Amino acid sequence: MNIKEAKKYIKDSVKIYLKKDEEGAYRIPLVRQRPVFLLGAPGIGKTAVMEQIAQELGIALVSYSMTHHTRQSALGLPFIVHREYGGHAFDVSEYTMSEIIASVYDVMERSGIREGILFLDEINCVSETLAPSMLQFLQYKIFGRHQVPEGWIIVTAGNPPEYNKSVREFDVVTLDRMKILEVEADYGSWREYAKDRNIHTAVLNYLDMKKEDFYLVETTVRGKSYVTARGWEDLAQMLVLYEEEGLPVEESLIGQYLRNDRVAREFSAYYDLYRKYQQDYRVEDIFAGTVSEQVKDRARKAGFDERLSLMGMLLDKLRQELKDNGGQAKLLKDLMNPLRVLKQKAETGAGAQELAAMLQQQADAREQSMDSLAGAGALSADDRQTGKVIVRFLREGARAVLTAGVQDGQEAFAKIKERFDGLVEEHRKDTAREQERLHGLFTFVEDTFGEGNEMLLLVTECTVQADCAAFINTYGCEDYVRHNEGLMLTERSDVLAEEIKALHEMNI
């Protein structure tokens, strides 16, 4: 299966394992909760998937790489205690709590979240001294003398032997205690993830044309040669930062992340072309509807790979802008609940000082919730950013009320509402601007390419990409409706796929 299918399976398993009966007991007892074992090549996104699941379910996540653990750190250290049995005194060995189990309790204490995922990576690479204890752990969820707390689901991961010489093959007795998911690298699944993470357009455009370069592991005379999903993502982030600083991106930098000479060389050549396309095609003019006929004419005469790169740049910018617009809408929606509470208090006679104190309390509660989720590894980057903006609005609102010198609660609320209305107006203007820019994009594609494959790409993106689809569904887009009705998407998608395949086969 691919990593997307594995994510759904794990997420469903976690939800089932956390299901309780009417008295609050887990329907499947801890010892019957088979750990999931993700078996797949390195760098395909196993760890990233666990972070996503924890964030989406609002539970904690504790991750450990088992290659770093000895018997002592995993099981605990021995110490002597004095006991008395049948009137006789004895010295007995006890063990300190396992570092891994202690980390689970630390997260629960720090975050207040009592349920989570304990993710153990490289589990089939444990040290020789620790290997015999793994069977007990997998069946009874015990490290040393201490059990994994109830409400914590165990997910493990490892690499097949061909990727890691340290791998120990599990026997049937051990395997029979786990649910095994064999995961393969799949570009289509990773691309969906990459779009949400704003992976650099040059990376996505290149891999759209050369999907076979997404994941490679080869043995050469110089050793292992490899390209992984992790390498592409790390490189993409580095490209963004280099561009922000105006630094040159050389093949030597690319080769640090893509450890295959051919792929590094070919992507480096493509990236140089991509940068040239950025300079030649005036993207802002296209969205503004002021692009010159010269640029349109060049796009018409461009080769298929150049047109695909151009559309990639345009779609990436559209996707990011509409994502930001959707984030603003979510922010305003999240702010409405605390403002409703303030309004009710003001209407029932609360004074300005009380409203200011409530704003501070709401900000404190929001920060505490964010800290709790962050401490549990269950706070996404987007939610962190939204939360910070909300906290800042609440605190600035409290200061504005206090410095205004008003005493009446309704007058104080009016000042807070004025600040909120300002954000609403900014969002309204941004939405109108994005509608105009979306029209400018459709107009450019229609004038330049007609109803060709470029229009198919644009309409398809607006249909399947969540932020684009949400914007159009909320605010409408006549251009999208008109072109969507005129295109036979299934048949046209097949044609486009064949053209991309042919392009690759010609090595262009």
Protein backbone atom coordinates (compact mmCIF):
# COMPACT_ATOMS: atom_id res chain seq x y z
CA MET A 1 0.00 0.00 0.00
CA ASN A 2 1.06 3.63 -0.31
CA ILE A 3 1.64 5.98 2.61
CA LYS A 4 -1.79 7.63 2.21
CA GLU A 5 -3.55 4.28 2.53
CA ALA A 6 -1.34 3.38 5.50
CA LYS A 7 -2.23 6.67 7.21
CA LYS A 8 -5.96 5.98 6.90
CA TYR A 9 -5.54 2.43 8.21
CA ILE A 10 -3.50 3.58 11.22
CA LYS A 11 -5.86 6.45 11.98
CA ASP A 12 -8.86 4.09 11.89
CA SER A 13 -7.03 1.60 14.12
CA VAL A 14 -6.20 4.28 16.68
CA LYS A 15 -9.82 5.44 16.78
CA ILE A 16 -11.01 1.85 17.27
CA TYR A 17 -8.45 1.16 20.00
CA LEU A 18 -9.53 4.33 21.83
CA LYS A 19 -13.24 3.41 21.68
CA LYS A 20 -14.79 3.04 25.14
CA ASP A 21 -17.84 1.36 26.57
CA GLU A 22 -20.58 3.06 28.60
CA GLU A 23 -18.51 2.83 31.79
CA GLY A 24 -15.45 4.45 30.23
CA ALA A 25 -13.37 1.28 29.81
CA TYR A 26 -11.59 0.63 26.53
CA ARG A 27 -13.52 -1.84 24.40
CA ILE A 28 -10.29 -3.57 23.35
CA PRO A 29 -8.04 -4.14 26.38
CA LEU A 30 -4.41 -3.01 26.15
CA VAL A 31 -2.96 -6.51 25.78
CA ARG A 32 -5.27 -7.17 22.78
CA GLN A 33 -4.32 -3.99 20.97
CA ARG A 34 -1.91 -5.27 18.38
CA PRO A 35 0.80 -2.70 17.58
CA VAL A 36 0.93 -1.56 13.97
CA PHE A 37 4.22 -2.30 12.19
CA LEU A 38 4.97 -0.03 9.23
CA LEU A 39 7.48 -1.79 7.04
CA GLY A 40 8.90 0.36 4.27
CA ALA A 41 11.95 1.93 2.69
CA PRO A 42 13.60 4.87 4.50
CA GLY A 43 12.46 8.43 3.88
CA ILE A 44 8.95 7.72 2.54
CA GLY A 45 7.18 9.74 5.23
CA LYS A 46 6.42 7.32 8.08
CA THR A 47 7.24 9.81 10.84
CA ALA A 48 5.40 12.67 9.11
CA VAL A 49 2.27 10.51 8.90
CA MET A 50 2.32 9.89 12.65
CA GLU A 51 2.52 13.64 13.32
CA GLN A 52 -0.45 14.25 11.02
CA ILE A 53 -2.56 11.55 12.71
CA ALA A 54 -1.86 12.93 16.20
CA GLN A 55 -2.74 16.47 15.10
CA GLU A 56 -5.93 15.41 13.34
CA LEU A 57 -7.15 13.32 16.28
CA GLY A 58 -6.03 15.82 18.92
CA ILE A 59 -3.99 13.24 20.84
CA ALA A 60 -0.38 13.20 22.00
CA LEU A 61 2.63 11.75 20.19
CA VAL A 62 5.87 10.41 21.62
CA SER A 63 8.49 9.28 19.08
CA TYR A 64 11.63 7.27 19.64
CA SER A 65 14.23 5.73 17.36
CA MET A 66 15.08 2.34 18.82
CA THR A 67 18.57 2.30 17.31
CA HIS A 68 19.63 4.76 20.03
CA HIS A 69 18.54 2.58 22.92
CA THR A 70 20.41 0.01 24.94
CA ARG A 71 18.83 -2.48 27.28
CA GLN A 72 19.47 -0.11 30.21
CA SER A 73 17.86 2.99 28.69
CA ALA A 74 14.82 1.11 27.36
CA LEU A 75 14.16 -1.18 30.31
CA GLY A 76 15.55 0.87 33.19
CA LEU A 77 18.54 0.49 35.53
CA PRO A 78 18.66 -2.05 38.37
CA PHE A 79 18.82 -1.04 42.02
CA ILE A 80 18.62 -2.98 45.30
CA VAL A 81 15.67 -2.82 47.69
CA HIS A 82 15.17 -4.60 50.98
CA ARG A 83 12.14 -6.87 51.33
CA GLU A 84 10.88 -9.29 53.94
CA TYR A 85 9.23 -12.61 53.02
CA GLY A 86 8.01 -15.08 55.64
CA GLY A 87 9.93 -13.34 58.37
CA HIS A 88 13.21 -13.34 56.45
CA ALA A 89 14.94 -10.28 54.97
CA PHE A 90 16.12 -10.31 51.37
CA ASP A 91 17.88 -7.94 48.97
CA VAL A 92 15.86 -7.77 45.76
CA SER A 93 16.61 -6.21 42.37
CA GLU A 94 14.18 -3.56 41.15
CA TYR A 95 14.38 -1.39 38.04
CA THR A 96 14.01 2.31 37.45
CA MET A 97 11.31 3.33 35.00
CA SER A 98 12.15 2.95 31.33
CA GLU A 99 13.17 6.20 29.65
CA ILE A 100 10.53 5.51 26.97
CA ILE A 101 7.69 4.91 29.43
CA ALA A 102 8.79 7.90 31.50
CA SER A 103 8.56 10.10 28.38
CA VAL A 104 4.93 9.08 27.92
CA TYR A 105 4.11 10.11 31.50
CA ASP A 106 6.07 13.34 31.07
CA VAL A 107 3.96 14.29 28.06
CA MET A 108 0.73 13.49 29.90
CA GLU A 109 1.79 15.60 32.90
CA ARG A 110 2.99 18.48 30.76
CA SER A 111 0.08 18.61 28.32
CA GLY A 112 -2.85 17.19 30.29
CA ILE A 113 -3.66 14.96 27.30
CA ARG A 114 -4.12 11.38 28.51
CA GLU A 115 -4.29 9.53 25.19
CA GLY A 116 -1.74 9.30 22.45
CA ILE A 117 0.52 7.33 20.14
CA LEU A 118 3.86 5.86 21.14
CA PHE A 119 5.79 5.64 17.88
CA LEU A 120 8.90 3.48 17.88
CA ASP A 121 10.95 3.76 14.70
CA GLU A 122 13.66 1.33 13.54
CA ILE A 123 12.15 -1.30 15.82
CA ASN A 124 13.73 -4.13 13.86
CA CYS A 125 17.19 -2.61 14.46
CA VAL A 126 17.23 -2.91 18.26
CA SER A 127 20.46 -3.87 19.98
CA GLU A 128 21.22 -7.53 20.63
CA THR A 129 20.72 -7.10 24.37
CA LEU A 130 17.31 -5.52 23.91
CA ALA A 131 15.91 -7.88 21.25
CA PRO A 132 14.65 -10.58 23.68
CA SER A 133 12.52 -8.01 25.52
CA MET A 134 10.67 -6.90 22.40
CA LEU A 135 8.29 -9.87 22.37
CA GLN A 136 7.14 -9.03 25.91
CA PHE A 137 6.73 -5.40 24.94
CA LEU A 138 4.75 -6.10 21.76
CA GLN A 139 2.33 -8.45 23.52
CA TYR A 140 2.00 -6.96 27.00
CA LYS A 141 3.11 -3.33 26.31
CA ILE A 142 5.70 -3.58 29.10
CA PHE A 143 9.26 -2.24 29.18
CA GLY A 144 11.07 -3.67 32.21
CA ARG A 145 8.57 -3.62 35.06
CA HIS A 146 6.48 -0.74 33.73
CA GLN A 147 3.54 -0.86 31.35
CA VAL A 148 2.54 1.62 28.69
CA PRO A 149 -0.39 3.64 30.14
CA GLU A 150 -3.90 2.83 28.98
CA GLY A 151 -5.02 5.07 26.14
CA TRP A 152 -1.64 4.93 24.40
CA ILE A 153 -1.50 3.12 21.09
CA ILE A 154 1.77 1.61 19.91
CA VAL A 155 2.83 2.10 16.31
CA THR A 156 6.19 0.82 15.14
CA ALA A 157 8.18 1.18 11.95
CA GLY A 158 11.20 -0.37 10.31
CA ASN A 159 13.10 -0.83 7.07
CA PRO A 160 13.36 -4.03 5.04
CA PRO A 161 16.75 -5.81 5.29
CA GLU A 162 17.90 -4.63 1.85
CA TYR A 163 18.00 -1.02 3.11
CA ASN A 164 19.68 -1.54 6.47
CA LYS A 165 22.36 -4.02 7.45
CA SER A 166 21.38 -3.73 11.12
CA VAL A 167 17.90 -5.15 10.55
CA ARG A 168 16.94 -8.22 12.57
CA GLU A 169 14.21 -10.29 11.02
CA PHE A 170 11.40 -10.98 13.48
CA ASP A 171 10.36 -14.55 14.04
CA VAL A 172 6.77 -15.72 13.50
CA VAL A 173 5.99 -15.51 17.22
CA THR A 174 6.86 -11.80 17.22
CA LEU A 175 5.20 -11.02 13.90
CA ASP A 176 2.00 -12.68 15.13
CA ARG A 177 1.71 -9.93 17.77
CA MET A 178 1.60 -7.09 15.22
CA LYS A 179 -0.50 -5.73 12.37
CA ILE A 180 1.95 -5.44 9.49
CA LEU A 181 1.59 -2.77 6.80
CA GLU A 182 4.04 -2.96 3.92
CA VAL A 183 4.38 0.56 2.53
CA GLU A 184 5.85 1.51 -0.83
CA ALA A 185 7.00 4.89 -2.10
CA ASP A 186 4.23 6.48 -4.16
CA TYR A 187 4.59 9.89 -5.78
CA GLY A 188 0.85 10.50 -6.19
CA SER A 189 0.22 10.19 -2.45
CA TRP A 190 3.26 12.28 -1.58
CA ARG A 191 2.21 15.00 -4.03
CA GLU A 192 -1.09 15.50 -2.19
CA TYR A 193 0.86 15.91 1.03
CA ALA A 194 3.41 18.16 -0.69
CA LYS A 195 0.77 20.60 -1.94
CA ASP A 196 -0.54 21.12 1.58
CA ARG A 197 3.03 21.71 2.81
CA ASN A 198 3.75 24.24 0.05
CA ILE A 199 6.64 22.22 -1.35
CA HIS A 200 8.61 24.28 -3.87
CA THR A 201 6.95 24.32 -7.29
CA ALA A 202 10.18 23.44 -9.08
CA VAL A 203 10.31 20.13 -7.19
CA LEU A 204 6.70 19.27 -8.01
CA ASN A 205 7.02 20.28 -11.67
CA TYR A 206 10.16 18.21 -12.11
CA LEU A 207 8.63 15.15 -10.47
CA ASP A 208 5.42 15.55 -12.47
CA MET A 209 7.55 15.00 -15.55
CA LYS A 210 9.91 12.40 -14.04
CA LYS A 211 7.98 10.43 -11.46
CA GLU A 212 10.55 7.64 -11.58
CA ASP A 213 13.05 10.00 -9.91
CA PHE A 214 10.85 10.41 -6.83
CA TYR A 215 12.38 7.45 -5.01
CA LEU A 216 15.56 5.58 -5.93
CA VAL A 217 17.89 3.32 -4.00
CA GLU A 218 20.73 1.81 -6.02
CA THR A 219 24.05 0.15 -5.26
CA THR A 220 26.97 1.47 -7.29
CA VAL A 221 30.73 0.96 -7.24
CA ARG A 222 30.90 4.08 -5.06
CA GLY A 223 28.35 2.77 -2.57
CA LYS A 224 24.66 3.51 -2.04
CA SER A 225 23.00 5.98 -4.38
CA TYR A 226 19.60 7.18 -3.24
CA VAL A 227 16.81 9.74 -3.56
CA THR A 228 13.99 9.77 -1.00
CA ALA A 229 10.82 11.72 -0.25
CA ARG A 230 12.58 13.18 2.78
CA GLY A 231 15.39 14.39 0.55
CA TRP A 232 12.99 16.13 -1.84
CA GLU A 233 11.13 17.86 1.01
CA ASP A 234 14.31 19.03 2.74
CA LEU A 235 15.70 20.29 -0.57
CA ALA A 236 12.44 22.15 -1.31
CA GLN A 237 12.63 23.99 2.00
CA MET A 238 16.25 24.90 1.35
CA LEU A 239 15.39 26.26 -2.11
CA VAL A 240 12.83 28.64 -0.60
CA LEU A 241 15.35 29.98 1.92
CA TYR A 242 18.13 30.34 -0.67
CA GLU A 243 15.78 32.30 -2.92
CA GLU A 244 14.73 34.57 -0.05
CA GLU A 245 18.41 35.36 0.62
CA GLY A 246 19.27 35.72 -3.06
CA LEU A 247 21.87 32.95 -2.84
CA PRO A 248 22.83 30.87 -5.90
CA VAL A 249 21.57 27.28 -5.93
CA GLU A 250 24.35 25.09 -7.27
CA GLU A 251 24.44 21.42 -8.15
CA SER A 252 26.66 20.75 -5.13
CA LEU A 253 23.85 21.95 -2.82
CA ILE A 254 21.26 19.84 -4.62
CA GLY A 255 23.55 16.83 -4.39
CA GLN A 256 23.58 17.09 -0.62
CA TYR A 257 19.88 16.14 -0.62
CA LEU A 258 19.55 14.08 -3.80
CA ARG A 259 22.25 11.45 -3.41
CA ASN A 260 22.13 10.28 -7.00
CA ASP A 261 24.44 11.97 -9.50
CA ARG A 262 22.08 11.76 -12.46
CA VAL A 263 19.01 13.01 -10.60
CA ALA A 264 20.97 15.83 -8.95
CA ARG A 265 22.41 16.89 -12.30
CA GLU A 266 19.07 16.76 -14.15
CA PHE A 267 17.15 18.56 -11.41
CA SER A 268 19.86 21.22 -11.25
CA ALA A 269 19.49 21.82 -14.99
CA TYR A 270 15.71 21.97 -14.66
CA TYR A 271 15.90 24.36 -11.70
CA ASP A 272 18.02 26.77 -13.76
CA LEU A 273 15.33 26.66 -16.45
CA TYR A 274 12.62 27.17 -13.87
CA ARG A 275 14.33 30.30 -12.57
CA LYS A 276 14.59 31.58 -16.12
CA TYR A 277 10.87 30.97 -16.64
CA GLN A 278 10.17 32.97 -13.47
CA GLN A 279 12.02 35.94 -14.93
CA ASP A 280 10.60 35.65 -18.46
CA TYR A 281 6.95 35.15 -17.49
CA ARG A 282 5.62 38.02 -15.43
CA VAL A 283 3.38 36.11 -13.05
CA GLU A 284 2.04 39.19 -11.26
CA ASP A 285 1.02 40.71 -14.60
CA ILE A 286 -0.83 37.50 -15.49
CA PHE A 287 -2.91 37.60 -12.29
CA ALA A 288 -3.47 41.34 -12.64
CA GLY A 289 -4.74 40.92 -16.21
CA THR A 290 -2.04 43.22 -17.62
CA VAL A 291 0.22 40.62 -19.22
CA SER A 292 1.63 41.59 -22.61
CA GLU A 293 0.83 39.87 -25.89
CA GLN A 294 4.54 39.13 -26.21
CA VAL A 295 4.41 36.95 -23.10
CA LYS A 296 1.25 35.22 -24.33
CA ASP A 297 2.87 34.56 -27.69
CA ARG A 298 5.93 33.04 -26.06
CA ALA A 299 3.72 30.77 -23.94
CA ARG A 300 1.85 29.58 -27.05
CA LYS A 301 5.10 28.69 -28.81
CA ALA A 302 6.74 27.10 -25.75
CA GLY A 303 7.44 23.40 -25.52
CA PHE A 304 5.22 21.18 -23.44
CA ASP A 305 7.62 21.05 -20.49
CA GLU A 306 7.92 24.86 -20.41
CA ARG A 307 4.14 25.29 -20.49
CA LEU A 308 3.80 22.71 -17.72
CA SER A 309 6.34 24.64 -15.64
CA LEU A 310 4.51 27.91 -16.25
CA MET A 311 1.21 26.40 -15.17
CA GLY A 312 2.91 24.95 -12.11
CA MET A 313 4.13 28.40 -11.06
CA LEU A 314 0.71 29.94 -11.61
CA LEU A 315 -1.18 27.20 -9.78
CA ASP A 316 1.25 27.25 -6.87
CA LYS A 317 0.76 30.98 -6.39
CA LEU A 318 -3.03 30.63 -6.70
CA ARG A 319 -3.08 27.79 -4.18
CA GLN A 320 -1.02 29.73 -1.63
CA GLU A 321 -3.08 32.91 -1.94
CA LEU A 322 -6.38 31.09 -1.57
CA LYS A 323 -4.99 29.12 1.37
CA ASP A 324 -4.09 32.40 3.07
CA ASN A 325 -7.57 33.74 2.33
CA GLY A 326 -9.13 30.63 3.86
CA GLY A 327 -6.88 31.02 6.89
CA GLN A 328 -8.19 34.56 7.39
CA ALA A 329 -11.77 33.30 7.21
CA LYS A 330 -11.03 30.61 9.80
CA LEU A 331 -9.42 33.20 12.05
CA LEU A 332 -12.49 35.43 11.92
CA LYS A 333 -14.77 32.48 12.64
CA ASP A 334 -12.65 31.47 15.66
CA LEU A 335 -12.80 35.02 17.00
CA MET A 336 -16.59 35.20 16.86
CA ASN A 337 -17.18 32.88 19.84
CA PRO A 338 -15.22 34.91 22.42
CA LEU A 339 -16.75 38.11 21.03
CA ARG A 340 -20.28 36.71 21.44
CA VAL A 341 -19.51 35.99 25.10
CA LEU A 342 -18.23 39.55 25.58
CA LYS A 343 -21.32 41.00 23.94
CA GLN A 344 -23.64 39.03 26.24
CA LYS A 345 -21.68 40.19 29.29
CA ALA A 346 -21.79 43.81 28.14
CA GLU A 347 -25.55 43.62 27.56
CA THR A 348 -26.11 42.25 31.07
CA GLY A 349 -24.25 45.12 32.73
CA ALA A 350 -20.57 44.11 32.82
CA GLY A 351 -18.21 47.10 32.88
CA ALA A 352 -15.20 47.87 30.71
CA GLN A 353 -12.72 46.58 33.32
CA GLU A 354 -14.52 43.24 33.51
CA LEU A 355 -14.51 42.91 29.72
CA ALA A 356 -10.79 43.64 29.58
CA ALA A 357 -10.16 40.99 32.23
CA MET A 358 -12.24 38.50 30.25
CA LEU A 359 -10.19 39.20 27.12
CA GLN A 360 -6.99 38.51 29.05
CA GLN A 361 -8.46 35.30 30.48
CA GLN A 362 -9.49 34.15 27.01
CA ALA A 363 -5.98 34.88 25.71
CA ASP A 364 -4.42 32.97 28.62
CA ALA A 365 -6.73 29.99 28.04
CA ARG A 366 -5.91 29.96 24.32
CA GLU A 367 -2.16 30.06 25.05
CA GLN A 368 -2.49 27.29 27.62
CA SER A 369 -4.38 25.11 25.13
CA MET A 370 -1.74 25.74 22.47
CA ASP A 371 1.08 24.94 24.89
CA SER A 372 -0.71 21.73 25.87
CA LEU A 373 -1.10 20.59 22.26
CA ALA A 374 2.44 21.66 21.36
CA GLY A 375 3.82 19.76 24.35
CA ALA A 376 1.95 16.67 23.17
CA GLY A 377 3.19 17.03 19.58
CA ALA A 378 -0.38 17.55 18.39
CA LEU A 379 -0.30 21.19 17.23
CA SER A 380 0.02 21.82 13.50
CA ALA A 381 1.97 24.78 12.12
CA ASP A 382 -1.21 26.34 10.70
CA ASP A 383 -3.08 26.04 14.00
CA ARG A 384 -0.09 27.50 15.85
CA GLN A 385 -0.03 30.52 13.56
CA THR A 386 -3.80 31.07 13.82
CA GLY A 387 -3.66 30.73 17.58
CA LYS A 388 -0.91 33.33 17.89
CA VAL A 389 -2.92 35.85 15.87
CA ILE A 390 -6.02 35.25 18.02
CA VAL A 391 -4.05 35.66 21.25
CA ARG A 392 -2.53 38.90 19.95
CA PHE A 393 -5.98 40.24 18.98
CA LEU A 394 -7.41 39.43 22.42
CA ARG A 395 -4.52 41.02 24.32
CA GLU A 396 -4.45 44.12 22.12
CA GLY A 397 -8.23 44.40 22.56
CA ALA A 398 -7.82 44.32 26.34
CA ARG A 399 -5.16 47.05 26.20
CA ALA A 400 -7.32 49.17 23.88
CA VAL A 401 -10.23 49.03 26.34
CA LEU A 402 -8.04 49.94 29.30
CA THR A 403 -6.28 52.83 27.55
CA ALA A 404 -9.54 54.26 26.12
CA GLY A 405 -10.63 55.32 29.60
CA VAL A 406 -14.25 54.15 29.13
CA GLN A 407 -16.26 52.59 31.94
CA ASP A 408 -19.44 51.42 30.22
CA GLY A 409 -19.30 47.80 29.06
CA GLN A 410 -21.25 48.33 25.85
CA GLU A 411 -19.04 51.24 24.89
CA ALA A 412 -15.99 49.09 25.55
CA PHE A 413 -17.41 46.25 23.48
CA ALA A 414 -18.05 48.70 20.63
CA LYS A 415 -14.31 49.46 20.53
CA ILE A 416 -13.47 45.76 20.40
CA LYS A 417 -16.11 45.20 17.72
CA GLU A 418 -14.59 48.06 15.73
CA ARG A 419 -11.25 46.25 15.68
CA PHE A 420 -12.94 43.03 14.60
CA ASP A 421 -14.89 44.85 11.87
CA GLY A 422 -11.57 46.15 10.58
CA LEU A 423 -10.33 42.57 10.14
CA VAL A 424 -13.60 41.64 8.42
CA GLU A 425 -13.22 44.52 6.00
CA GLU A 426 -9.61 43.52 5.24
CA HIS A 427 -10.80 40.00 4.50
CA ARG A 428 -13.60 41.31 2.28
CA LYS A 429 -11.13 43.37 0.26
CA ASP A 430 -8.72 40.44 0.02
CA THR A 431 -11.52 38.17 -1.17
CA ALA A 432 -12.57 40.65 -3.86
CA ARG A 433 -8.93 40.97 -4.90
CA GLU A 434 -8.55 37.18 -5.14
CA GLN A 435 -11.70 36.94 -7.25
CA GLU A 436 -10.22 39.47 -9.69
CA ARG A 437 -6.88 37.63 -9.74
CA LEU A 438 -8.62 34.31 -10.35
CA HIS A 439 -10.45 35.91 -13.27
CA GLY A 440 -7.13 37.27 -14.56
CA LEU A 441 -5.63 33.80 -14.47
CA PHE A 442 -8.55 32.19 -16.30
CA THR A 443 -8.48 34.99 -18.90
CA PHE A 444 -4.75 34.47 -19.54
CA VAL A 445 -5.10 30.70 -19.92
CA GLU A 446 -8.15 31.07 -22.19
CA ASP A 447 -6.54 33.76 -24.39
CA THR A 448 -3.24 31.89 -24.61
CA PHE A 449 -4.18 28.21 -24.73
CA GLY A 450 -7.92 28.13 -25.36
CA GLU A 451 -9.51 24.94 -24.08
CA GLY A 452 -6.22 23.04 -24.21
CA ASN A 453 -4.53 20.94 -21.56
CA GLU A 454 -3.47 24.06 -19.68
CA MET A 455 -7.12 24.93 -19.08
CA LEU A 456 -7.69 21.34 -18.01
CA LEU A 457 -4.92 21.67 -15.43
CA LEU A 458 -6.40 24.91 -14.08
CA VAL A 459 -9.96 23.58 -13.84
CA THR A 460 -8.79 20.31 -12.31
CA GLU A 461 -6.74 22.13 -9.68
CA CYS A 462 -9.71 24.33 -8.78
CA THR A 463 -11.81 21.17 -8.45
CA VAL A 464 -9.59 18.89 -6.38
CA GLN A 465 -7.40 21.26 -4.36
CA ALA A 466 -9.11 21.92 -1.04
CA ASP A 467 -8.35 25.63 -0.65
CA CYS A 468 -9.24 26.46 -4.25
CA ALA A 469 -12.44 24.43 -4.15
CA ALA A 470 -13.50 25.99 -0.83
CA PHE A 471 -12.95 29.52 -2.16
CA ILE A 472 -14.94 28.90 -5.34
CA ASN A 473 -17.70 27.09 -3.45
CA THR A 474 -18.02 30.04 -1.04
CA TYR A 475 -17.61 33.02 -3.35
CA GLY A 476 -18.26 31.60 -6.81
CA CYS A 477 -16.30 31.92 -10.04
CA GLU A 478 -18.11 32.27 -13.37
CA ASP A 479 -14.94 31.43 -15.32
CA TYR A 480 -14.57 28.13 -13.48
CA VAL A 481 -18.22 27.17 -13.99
CA ARG A 482 -18.10 27.98 -17.69
CA HIS A 483 -14.89 26.07 -18.42
CA ASN A 484 -15.75 23.19 -16.13
CA GLU A 485 -18.94 22.55 -18.09
CA GLY A 486 -17.05 22.72 -21.38
CA LEU A 487 -14.38 20.20 -20.44
CA MET A 488 -14.75 16.41 -20.36
CA LEU A 489 -12.36 16.00 -17.47
CA THR A 490 -11.89 12.23 -17.46
CA GLU A 491 -11.09 11.94 -21.15
CA ARG A 492 -8.92 15.04 -21.19
CA SER A 493 -6.98 13.87 -18.13
CA ASP A 494 -6.13 10.64 -19.93
CA VAL A 495 -4.85 12.62 -22.92
CA LEU A 496 -2.70 14.81 -20.69
CA ALA A 497 -1.26 11.79 -18.90
CA GLU A 498 -0.27 10.26 -22.24
CA GLU A 499 1.45 13.47 -23.31
CA ILE A 500 3.45 13.63 -20.08
CA LYS A 501 4.42 9.98 -20.51
CA ALA A 502 5.51 10.59 -24.10
CA LEU A 503 7.53 13.60 -23.02
CA HIS A 504 9.42 11.50 -20.51
CA GLU A 505 10.03 8.69 -22.99
CA MET A 506 11.63 11.19 -25.39
CA ASN A 507 13.91 12.32 -22.51
CA ILE A 508 13.06 15.99 -23.08
